[in-house]
Amino acid sequence: MVLDPTRQNAIRERLSFYRELGIGPLYRRDASGQPQVQDMGEELVGAMETVGEEISYLPGDDRDSKLRVILDDIGPNCQRCKLGRLGRKQIVFGTGDPNAELMFIGEGPGADEDEQGLPFVGRAGQLLNNMITAMGLRREQVYIANIVKCRPPGNRTPERDECDTCSPFLMRQIRVVRPKVIVALGATAAKNLLGLNDSMASLRGRFYDFSPKRSLTDSDEPFDCKLAVTYHPAFLLRDPRQKGEAWKDLQMVMKFLGLQPPMRANKDAEGS
């Protein structure tokens, strides 16, 4: 099949777009169905002109690989907002199963997270681990991220411009993982994800239909999921009386996902 000049230019533009994103390499299928690696350039366009093979991704183009592309796009020393100049040690990207049905999103890294480069590894993280265990899951089975990826100085609440700067990368993470349910941990996460300014009492106790925002250059398929709001583990450490309320929120999520808690989960979740 010979492609017309308009289609050729469209292919070149698309390949250039992928190259800028760091995605690739691409391959073409021959008549035997075997993938043949091609450079993302004139060679692939030439092959398309003569045989019209399907362009596809290599088998390594899985969700974990796509998350690494996002991390590479952020870069190790992001300076897009002032948090990069206010003493943070490293980017805290996210962790967990890239195919998780359940995703937790918190506010931002603290001192322990900034030191280790992983979200929720301090005291609040230990409580979150207990909450996840009470749901009948392991930490490795969920995906955990934050609204901002750099520690705000003094663990202050992230400012609006900082949240807005990080938001496109978080939205890309959500679209890659494609969870069935997102649990927003705390008011900052809930308000930024939902675009609402209600109290926690008003935000909790129900599911929201959530679709992560997309940019004009996003080429992945849109999707919708459910979003629930509960208290941040750090708040529960300060006010343990609210652990029972948080457990009610998690039970709502469990029911939706068909999860069965292990023995004594109710007691463990409320008393952790």
C-alpha atoms as a PDB file:
ATOM      1  CA  MET A   1       0.000   0.000   0.000  1.00  0.00           C
ATOM      2  CA  VAL A   2       1.366   3.411  -0.967  1.00  0.00           C
ATOM      3  CA  LEU A   3       0.542   6.236   1.406  1.00  0.00           C
ATOM      4  CA  ASP A   4      -0.316   9.692   0.137  1.00  0.00           C
ATOM      5  CA  PRO A   5       1.897  12.646   1.216  1.00  0.00           C
ATOM      6  CA  THR A   6      -0.642  13.874   3.761  1.00  0.00           C
ATOM      7  CA  ARG A   7      -0.654  10.487   5.526  1.00  0.00           C
ATOM      8  CA  GLN A   8       3.137  10.299   5.390  1.00  0.00           C
ATOM      9  CA  ASN A   9       3.444  13.697   7.060  1.00  0.00           C
ATOM     10  CA  ALA A  10       0.916  12.669   9.694  1.00  0.00           C
ATOM     11  CA  ILE A  11       2.970   9.566  10.488  1.00  0.00           C
ATOM     12  CA  ARG A  12       6.178  11.607  10.709  1.00  0.00           C
ATOM     13  CA  GLU A  13       4.528  14.082  13.074  1.00  0.00           C
ATOM     14  CA  ARG A  14       3.191  11.280  15.245  1.00  0.00           C
ATOM     15  CA  LEU A  15       6.592   9.576  15.425  1.00  0.00           C
ATOM     16  CA  SER A  16       8.232  12.886  16.323  1.00  0.00           C
ATOM     17  CA  PHE A  17       5.632  13.365  19.052  1.00  0.00           C
ATOM     18  CA  TYR A  18       6.382   9.901  20.479  1.00  0.00           C
ATOM     19  CA  ARG A  19      10.124  10.570  20.322  1.00  0.00           C
ATOM     20  CA  GLU A  20       9.720  13.797  22.297  1.00  0.00           C
ATOM     21  CA  LEU A  21       7.727  11.919  24.935  1.00  0.00           C
ATOM     22  CA  GLY A  22      10.443   9.289  25.194  1.00  0.00           C
ATOM     23  CA  ILE A  23       8.120   6.523  23.999  1.00  0.00           C
ATOM     24  CA  GLY A  24       9.431   3.761  21.830  1.00  0.00           C
ATOM     25  CA  PRO A  25      10.858   2.043  19.986  1.00  0.00           C
ATOM     26  CA  LEU A  26       7.992   1.145  17.683  1.00  0.00           C
ATOM     27  CA  TYR A  27       7.813  -1.925  15.527  1.00  0.00           C
ATOM     28  CA  ARG A  28       6.049  -3.162  12.435  1.00  0.00           C
ATOM     29  CA  ARG A  29       4.666  -6.621  11.750  1.00  0.00           C
ATOM     30  CA  ASP A  30       5.750  -8.549   8.687  1.00  0.00           C
ATOM     31  CA  ALA A  31       3.649 -11.206   6.982  1.00  0.00           C
ATOM     32  CA  SER A  32       4.758 -13.825   9.535  1.00  0.00           C
ATOM     33  CA  GLY A  33       3.409 -11.724  12.392  1.00  0.00           C
ATOM     34  CA  GLN A  34       6.878 -11.281  13.935  1.00  0.00           C
ATOM     35  CA  PRO A  35       7.738  -7.799  15.258  1.00  0.00           C
ATOM     36  CA  GLN A  36      10.645  -6.075  13.535  1.00  0.00           C
ATOM     37  CA  VAL A  37      12.215  -3.192  15.437  1.00  0.00           C
ATOM     38  CA  GLN A  38      12.542   0.007  13.446  1.00  0.00           C
ATOM     39  CA  ASP A  39      14.004   3.371  14.270  1.00  0.00           C
ATOM     40  CA  MET A  40      11.312   6.018  14.768  1.00  0.00           C
ATOM     41  CA  GLY A  41      12.149   7.920  11.619  1.00  0.00           C
ATOM     42  CA  GLU A  42      12.363   7.693   7.849  1.00  0.00           C
ATOM     43  CA  GLU A  43      12.937   3.921   7.844  1.00  0.00           C
ATOM     44  CA  LEU A  44       9.558   3.241   9.438  1.00  0.00           C
ATOM     45  CA  VAL A  45       7.776   5.695   7.175  1.00  0.00           C
ATOM     46  CA  GLY A  46       9.387   4.007   4.169  1.00  0.00           C
ATOM     47  CA  ALA A  47       8.233   0.606   5.337  1.00  0.00           C
ATOM     48  CA  MET A  48       4.734   1.952   5.836  1.00  0.00           C
ATOM     49  CA  GLU A  49       4.710   3.318   2.297  1.00  0.00           C
ATOM     50  CA  THR A  50       5.523  -0.031   0.707  1.00  0.00           C
ATOM     51  CA  VAL A  51       3.711  -2.610   2.796  1.00  0.00           C
ATOM     52  CA  GLY A  52       1.343  -0.688   5.067  1.00  0.00           C
ATOM     53  CA  GLU A  53       2.097  -2.672   8.232  1.00  0.00           C
ATOM     54  CA  GLU A  54       0.416  -1.831  11.493  1.00  0.00           C
ATOM     55  CA  ILE A  55       2.348   0.445  13.854  1.00  0.00           C
ATOM     56  CA  SER A  56       2.250  -0.829  17.411  1.00  0.00           C
ATOM     57  CA  TYR A  57       4.208  -0.784  20.650  1.00  0.00           C
ATOM     58  CA  LEU A  58       6.821  -3.296  21.698  1.00  0.00           C
ATOM     59  CA  PRO A  59       5.713  -5.762  24.370  1.00  0.00           C
ATOM     60  CA  GLY A  60       7.626  -3.690  26.945  1.00  0.00           C
ATOM     61  CA  ASP A  61       5.147  -0.853  26.504  1.00  0.00           C
ATOM     62  CA  ASP A  62       3.180  -1.822  29.620  1.00  0.00           C
ATOM     63  CA  ARG A  63       1.848   0.373  32.396  1.00  0.00           C
ATOM     64  CA  ASP A  64       5.083   0.229  34.346  1.00  0.00           C
ATOM     65  CA  SER A  65       6.961   1.459  31.281  1.00  0.00           C
ATOM     66  CA  LYS A  66       4.451   4.263  30.758  1.00  0.00           C
ATOM     67  CA  LEU A  67       4.868   5.368  34.364  1.00  0.00           C
ATOM     68  CA  ARG A  68       8.622   5.479  33.866  1.00  0.00           C
ATOM     69  CA  VAL A  69       8.078   7.737  30.851  1.00  0.00           C
ATOM     70  CA  ILE A  70       6.137  10.159  33.066  1.00  0.00           C
ATOM     71  CA  LEU A  71       8.874  10.074  35.707  1.00  0.00           C
ATOM     72  CA  ASP A  72      11.495  10.760  33.033  1.00  0.00           C
ATOM     73  CA  ASP A  73       9.400  13.671  31.756  1.00  0.00           C
ATOM     74  CA  ILE A  74       9.374  15.191  35.246  1.00  0.00           C
ATOM     75  CA  GLY A  75      13.138  14.775  35.522  1.00  0.00           C
ATOM     76  CA  PRO A  76      15.262  14.241  38.639  1.00  0.00           C
ATOM     77  CA  ASN A  77      15.584  17.968  39.406  1.00  0.00           C
ATOM     78  CA  CYS A  78      12.218  19.468  38.459  1.00  0.00           C
ATOM     79  CA  GLN A  79      12.116  23.259  38.791  1.00  0.00           C
ATOM     80  CA  ARG A  80       8.623  23.850  37.396  1.00  0.00           C
ATOM     81  CA  CYS A  81       7.385  25.356  40.678  1.00  0.00           C
ATOM     82  CA  LYS A  82       9.077  26.899  43.680  1.00  0.00           C
ATOM     83  CA  LEU A  83       9.085  23.644  45.670  1.00  0.00           C
ATOM     84  CA  GLY A  84      12.105  22.626  43.616  1.00  0.00           C
ATOM     85  CA  ARG A  85      13.987  25.586  45.097  1.00  0.00           C
ATOM     86  CA  LEU A  86      12.778  25.338  48.682  1.00  0.00           C
ATOM     87  CA  GLY A  87      14.881  22.516  50.052  1.00  0.00           C
ATOM     88  CA  ARG A  88      13.300  19.315  48.814  1.00  0.00           C
ATOM     89  CA  LYS A  89      15.809  16.511  48.337  1.00  0.00           C
ATOM     90  CA  GLN A  90      14.136  14.463  45.606  1.00  0.00           C
ATOM     91  CA  ILE A  91      11.013  13.778  43.599  1.00  0.00           C
ATOM     92  CA  VAL A  92       8.513  11.433  45.297  1.00  0.00           C
ATOM     93  CA  PHE A  93       6.736   9.989  42.287  1.00  0.00           C
ATOM     94  CA  GLY A  94       4.513   7.123  43.384  1.00  0.00           C
ATOM     95  CA  THR A  95       4.680   3.443  44.198  1.00  0.00           C
ATOM     96  CA  GLY A  96       2.700   0.235  43.969  1.00  0.00           C
ATOM     97  CA  ASP A  97       0.996  -1.958  41.414  1.00  0.00           C
ATOM     98  CA  PRO A  98       0.629  -0.163  38.047  1.00  0.00           C
ATOM     99  CA  ASN A  99      -2.402  -2.383  37.382  1.00  0.00           C
ATOM    100  CA  ALA A 100      -4.041  -1.681  40.742  1.00  0.00           C
ATOM    101  CA  GLU A 101      -7.810  -1.410  41.056  1.00  0.00           C
ATOM    102  CA  LEU A 102      -7.398   0.896  44.069  1.00  0.00           C
ATOM    103  CA  MET A 103      -5.345   4.091  44.189  1.00  0.00           C
ATOM    104  CA  PHE A 104      -4.659   6.295  47.215  1.00  0.00           C
ATOM    105  CA  ILE A 105      -3.743   9.936  46.706  1.00  0.00           C
ATOM    106  CA  GLY A 106      -2.435  12.042  49.555  1.00  0.00           C
ATOM    107  CA  GLU A 107      -1.311  15.632  49.929  1.00  0.00           C
ATOM    108  CA  GLY A 108       2.473  15.677  49.565  1.00  0.00           C
ATOM    109  CA  PRO A 109       5.699  14.124  50.819  1.00  0.00           C
ATOM    110  CA  GLY A 110       6.946  14.643  54.360  1.00  0.00           C
ATOM    111  CA  ALA A 111      10.475  14.421  55.717  1.00  0.00           C
ATOM    112  CA  ASP A 112      10.651  10.609  55.643  1.00  0.00           C
ATOM    113  CA  GLU A 113       9.229  10.485  52.119  1.00  0.00           C
ATOM    114  CA  ASP A 114      11.652  13.167  50.926  1.00  0.00           C
ATOM    115  CA  GLU A 115      14.518  11.153  52.386  1.00  0.00           C
ATOM    116  CA  GLN A 116      13.498   7.791  50.885  1.00  0.00           C
ATOM    117  CA  GLY A 117      11.834   8.951  47.660  1.00  0.00           C
ATOM    118  CA  LEU A 118       8.651   6.961  48.365  1.00  0.00           C
ATOM    119  CA  PRO A 119       5.192   8.156  49.457  1.00  0.00           C
ATOM    120  CA  PHE A 120       3.755   7.302  52.882  1.00  0.00           C
ATOM    121  CA  VAL A 121       6.755   5.698  54.582  1.00  0.00           C
ATOM    122  CA  GLY A 122       6.667   7.577  57.912  1.00  0.00           C
ATOM    123  CA  ARG A 123       4.209   7.221  60.811  1.00  0.00           C
ATOM    124  CA  ALA A 124       1.274   8.202  58.614  1.00  0.00           C
ATOM    125  CA  GLY A 125       2.458   5.670  56.068  1.00  0.00           C
ATOM    126  CA  GLN A 126       2.480   2.910  58.667  1.00  0.00           C
ATOM    127  CA  LEU A 127      -1.113   3.742  59.541  1.00  0.00           C
ATOM    128  CA  LEU A 128      -2.032   3.726  55.851  1.00  0.00           C
ATOM    129  CA  ASN A 129      -0.422   0.289  55.564  1.00  0.00           C
ATOM    130  CA  ASN A 130      -2.619  -0.900  58.439  1.00  0.00           C
ATOM    131  CA  MET A 131      -5.698   0.543  56.764  1.00  0.00           C
ATOM    132  CA  ILE A 132      -4.839  -1.247  53.523  1.00  0.00           C
ATOM    133  CA  THR A 133      -4.275  -4.515  55.393  1.00  0.00           C
ATOM    134  CA  ALA A 134      -7.640  -4.116  57.133  1.00  0.00           C
ATOM    135  CA  MET A 135      -9.234  -3.939  53.695  1.00  0.00           C
ATOM    136  CA  GLY A 136      -7.818  -7.371  52.853  1.00  0.00           C
ATOM    137  CA  LEU A 137      -5.042  -6.045  50.611  1.00  0.00           C
ATOM    138  CA  ARG A 138      -1.297  -5.552  50.739  1.00  0.00           C
ATOM    139  CA  ARG A 139       0.436  -2.255  50.053  1.00  0.00           C
ATOM    140  CA  GLU A 140       1.981  -3.841  46.956  1.00  0.00           C
ATOM    141  CA  GLN A 141      -1.498  -4.391  45.513  1.00  0.00           C
ATOM    142  CA  VAL A 142      -2.521  -0.729  45.462  1.00  0.00           C
ATOM    143  CA  TYR A 143      -0.967   2.377  43.921  1.00  0.00           C
ATOM    144  CA  ILE A 144      -0.037   5.358  46.100  1.00  0.00           C
ATOM    145  CA  ALA A 145       0.750   8.904  45.003  1.00  0.00           C
ATOM    146  CA  ASN A 146       0.386  12.516  46.138  1.00  0.00           C
ATOM    147  CA  ILE A 147      -1.020  15.757  44.805  1.00  0.00           C
ATOM    148  CA  VAL A 148       2.498  17.260  44.747  1.00  0.00           C
ATOM    149  CA  LYS A 149       5.700  15.321  44.293  1.00  0.00           C
ATOM    150  CA  CYS A 150       8.044  17.548  46.304  1.00  0.00           C
ATOM    151  CA  ARG A 151       8.039  18.153  50.048  1.00  0.00           C
ATOM    152  CA  PRO A 152       6.648  21.590  50.955  1.00  0.00           C
ATOM    153  CA  PRO A 153       8.942  23.327  53.482  1.00  0.00           C
ATOM    154  CA  GLY A 154       7.956  22.568  57.049  1.00  0.00           C
ATOM    155  CA  ASN A 155       5.329  20.130  55.739  1.00  0.00           C
ATOM    156  CA  ARG A 156       3.012  23.069  55.043  1.00  0.00           C
ATOM    157  CA  THR A 157      -0.065  22.613  52.869  1.00  0.00           C
ATOM    158  CA  PRO A 158       0.834  22.783  49.158  1.00  0.00           C
ATOM    159  CA  GLU A 159      -0.154  26.079  47.579  1.00  0.00           C
ATOM    160  CA  ARG A 160      -2.546  26.276  44.652  1.00  0.00           C
ATOM    161  CA  ASP A 161       0.088  27.039  42.012  1.00  0.00           C
ATOM    162  CA  GLU A 162       2.204  24.119  43.233  1.00  0.00           C
ATOM    163  CA  CYS A 163      -0.757  21.757  42.993  1.00  0.00           C
ATOM    164  CA  ASP A 164      -1.678  23.042  39.548  1.00  0.00           C
ATOM    165  CA  THR A 165       1.889  22.563  38.303  1.00  0.00           C
ATOM    166  CA  CYS A 166       2.041  18.946  39.467  1.00  0.00           C
ATOM    167  CA  SER A 167      -1.516  18.092  38.438  1.00  0.00           C
ATOM    168  CA  PRO A 168      -0.839  17.162  34.772  1.00  0.00           C
ATOM    169  CA  PHE A 169       1.674  14.520  35.840  1.00  0.00           C
ATOM    170  CA  LEU A 170      -0.696  13.079  38.443  1.00  0.00           C
ATOM    171  CA  MET A 171      -3.500  12.965  35.875  1.00  0.00           C
ATOM    172  CA  ARG A 172      -1.203  11.031  33.542  1.00  0.00           C
ATOM    173  CA  GLN A 173      -0.386   8.578  36.342  1.00  0.00           C
ATOM    174  CA  ILE A 174      -4.076   8.027  36.995  1.00  0.00           C
ATOM    175  CA  ARG A 175      -4.781   7.442  33.302  1.00  0.00           C
ATOM    176  CA  VAL A 176      -1.974   4.871  33.119  1.00  0.00           C
ATOM    177  CA  VAL A 177      -2.982   2.937  36.259  1.00  0.00           C
ATOM    178  CA  ARG A 178      -6.700   3.210  35.437  1.00  0.00           C
ATOM    179  CA  PRO A 179      -7.951   2.292  38.932  1.00  0.00           C
ATOM    180  CA  LYS A 180     -11.536   1.382  39.598  1.00  0.00           C
ATOM    181  CA  VAL A 181     -11.525   3.528  42.746  1.00  0.00           C
ATOM    182  CA  ILE A 182      -9.419   6.453  43.948  1.00  0.00           C
ATOM    183  CA  VAL A 183      -9.379   7.271  47.656  1.00  0.00           C
ATOM    184  CA  ALA A 184      -8.493  10.906  48.303  1.00  0.00           C
ATOM    185  CA  LEU A 185      -6.701  11.129  51.643  1.00  0.00           C
ATOM    186  CA  GLY A 186      -7.511  14.418  53.319  1.00  0.00           C
ATOM    187  CA  ALA A 187      -8.997  17.746  52.339  1.00  0.00           C
ATOM    188  CA  THR A 188      -6.142  18.922  50.105  1.00  0.00           C
ATOM    189  CA  ALA A 189      -6.282  15.822  47.926  1.00  0.00           C
ATOM    190  CA  ALA A 190     -10.084  15.837  47.796  1.00  0.00           C
ATOM    191  CA  LYS A 191     -10.425  19.517  46.937  1.00  0.00           C
ATOM    192  CA  ASN A 192      -7.762  19.412  44.229  1.00  0.00           C
ATOM    193  CA  LEU A 193      -9.091  16.268  42.576  1.00  0.00           C
ATOM    194  CA  LEU A 194     -12.753  17.247  42.733  1.00  0.00           C
ATOM    195  CA  GLY A 195     -12.428  20.993  42.312  1.00  0.00           C
ATOM    196  CA  LEU A 196     -14.671  21.497  45.346  1.00  0.00           C
ATOM    197  CA  ASN A 197     -14.165  23.571  48.466  1.00  0.00           C
ATOM    198  CA  ASP A 198     -16.515  21.786  50.848  1.00  0.00           C
ATOM    199  CA  SER A 199     -15.715  20.538  54.338  1.00  0.00           C
ATOM    200  CA  MET A 200     -14.581  16.993  54.935  1.00  0.00           C
ATOM    201  CA  ALA A 201     -17.943  16.266  56.527  1.00  0.00           C
ATOM    202  CA  SER A 202     -19.639  17.222  53.260  1.00  0.00           C
ATOM    203  CA  LEU A 203     -17.129  15.450  50.996  1.00  0.00           C
ATOM    204  CA  ARG A 204     -17.108  12.094  52.767  1.00  0.00           C
ATOM    205  CA  GLY A 205     -19.641   9.270  52.667  1.00  0.00           C
ATOM    206  CA  ARG A 206     -20.340   9.021  48.937  1.00  0.00           C
ATOM    207  CA  PHE A 207     -18.758   8.140  45.605  1.00  0.00           C
ATOM    208  CA  TYR A 208     -17.969  10.724  42.966  1.00  0.00           C
ATOM    209  CA  ASP A 209     -17.651  10.038  39.245  1.00  0.00           C
ATOM    210  CA  PHE A 210     -14.107  11.052  38.374  1.00  0.00           C
ATOM    211  CA  SER A 211     -12.410  11.456  35.017  1.00  0.00           C
ATOM    212  CA  PRO A 212      -8.790  12.656  35.092  1.00  0.00           C
ATOM    213  CA  LYS A 213      -8.165  15.847  33.169  1.00  0.00           C
ATOM    214  CA  ARG A 214      -6.532  15.532  29.763  1.00  0.00           C
ATOM    215  CA  SER A 215      -4.369  17.887  27.718  1.00  0.00           C
ATOM    216  CA  LEU A 216      -4.608  18.499  23.982  1.00  0.00           C
ATOM    217  CA  THR A 217      -1.649  16.185  23.331  1.00  0.00           C
ATOM    218  CA  ASP A 218      -2.936  13.193  25.314  1.00  0.00           C
ATOM    219  CA  SER A 219      -3.462  10.204  23.026  1.00  0.00           C
ATOM    220  CA  ASP A 220      -4.575   7.588  25.571  1.00  0.00           C
ATOM    221  CA  GLU A 221      -8.169   6.517  25.870  1.00  0.00           C
ATOM    222  CA  PRO A 222     -10.280   8.482  28.377  1.00  0.00           C
ATOM    223  CA  PHE A 223     -11.805   6.613  31.269  1.00  0.00           C
ATOM    224  CA  ASP A 224     -13.954   7.178  34.349  1.00  0.00           C
ATOM    225  CA  CYS A 225     -13.597   5.784  37.846  1.00  0.00           C
ATOM    226  CA  LYS A 226     -15.084   6.276  41.273  1.00  0.00           C
ATOM    227  CA  LEU A 227     -13.552   8.574  43.875  1.00  0.00           C
ATOM    228  CA  ALA A 228     -14.104   8.433  47.626  1.00  0.00           C
ATOM    229  CA  VAL A 229     -12.848  10.812  50.296  1.00  0.00           C
ATOM    230  CA  THR A 230     -11.553   9.943  53.754  1.00  0.00           C
ATOM    231  CA  TYR A 231      -9.296  11.423  56.400  1.00  0.00           C
ATOM    232  CA  HIS A 232      -5.555  11.652  55.885  1.00  0.00           C
ATOM    233  CA  PRO A 233      -3.648   9.171  58.082  1.00  0.00           C
ATOM    234  CA  ALA A 234      -1.657  12.059  59.592  1.00  0.00           C
ATOM    235  CA  PHE A 235      -4.937  13.605  60.764  1.00  0.00           C
ATOM    236  CA  LEU A 236      -6.010  10.268  62.243  1.00  0.00           C
ATOM    237  CA  LEU A 237      -2.776  10.157  64.233  1.00  0.00           C
ATOM    238  CA  ARG A 238      -3.656  13.563  65.678  1.00  0.00           C
ATOM    239  CA  ASP A 239      -7.308  12.660  66.289  1.00  0.00           C
ATOM    240  CA  PRO A 240      -7.678   8.871  66.717  1.00  0.00           C
ATOM    241  CA  ARG A 241     -11.380   9.347  67.486  1.00  0.00           C
ATOM    242  CA  GLN A 242     -11.984   9.684  63.730  1.00  0.00           C
ATOM    243  CA  LYS A 243     -10.545   6.274  62.842  1.00  0.00           C
ATOM    244  CA  GLY A 244     -13.982   4.701  63.046  1.00  0.00           C
ATOM    245  CA  GLU A 245     -15.291   7.217  60.526  1.00  0.00           C
ATOM    246  CA  ALA A 246     -12.380   6.507  58.193  1.00  0.00           C
ATOM    247  CA  TRP A 247     -13.115   2.791  58.477  1.00  0.00           C
ATOM    248  CA  LYS A 248     -16.683   3.455  57.332  1.00  0.00           C
ATOM    249  CA  ASP A 249     -15.282   5.176  54.229  1.00  0.00           C
ATOM    250  CA  LEU A 250     -13.000   2.238  53.506  1.00  0.00           C
ATOM    251  CA  GLN A 251     -15.843  -0.240  53.989  1.00  0.00           C
ATOM    252  CA  MET A 252     -17.798   1.623  51.317  1.00  0.00           C
ATOM    253  CA  VAL A 253     -14.841   1.189  48.956  1.00  0.00           C
ATOM    254  CA  MET A 254     -14.464  -2.477  49.901  1.00  0.00           C
ATOM    255  CA  LYS A 255     -18.099  -3.170  49.129  1.00  0.00           C
ATOM    256  CA  PHE A 256     -17.739  -1.582  45.695  1.00  0.00           C
ATOM    257  CA  LEU A 257     -14.601  -3.611  44.916  1.00  0.00           C
ATOM    258  CA  GLY A 258     -15.953  -6.834  46.408  1.00  0.00           C
ATOM    259  CA  LEU A 259     -13.203  -7.038  49.041  1.00  0.00           C
ATOM    260  CA  GLN A 260     -13.495  -9.179  52.152  1.00  0.00           C
ATOM    261  CA  PRO A 261     -11.558  -8.009  55.223  1.00  0.00           C
ATOM    262  CA  PRO A 262      -9.402 -10.486  57.147  1.00  0.00           C
ATOM    263  CA  MET A 263     -10.309 -11.568  60.691  1.00  0.00           C
ATOM    264  CA  ARG A 264     -10.468  -8.745  63.241  1.00  0.00           C
ATOM    265  CA  ALA A 265     -10.084  -6.153  60.472  1.00  0.00           C
ATOM    266  CA  ASN A 266     -12.696  -3.869  62.023  1.00  0.00           C
ATOM    267  CA  LYS A 267     -10.915  -3.789  65.358  1.00  0.00           C
ATOM    268  CA  ASP A 268      -7.481  -3.402  63.799  1.00  0.00           C
ATOM    269  CA  ALA A 269      -8.588  -0.546  61.518  1.00  0.00           C
ATOM    270  CA  GLU A 270     -10.184   1.396  64.336  1.00  0.00           C
ATOM    271  CA  GLY A 271      -7.475   0.753  66.883  1.00  0.00           C
ATOM    272  CA  SER A 272      -4.274   1.038  64.802  1.00  0.00           C
END
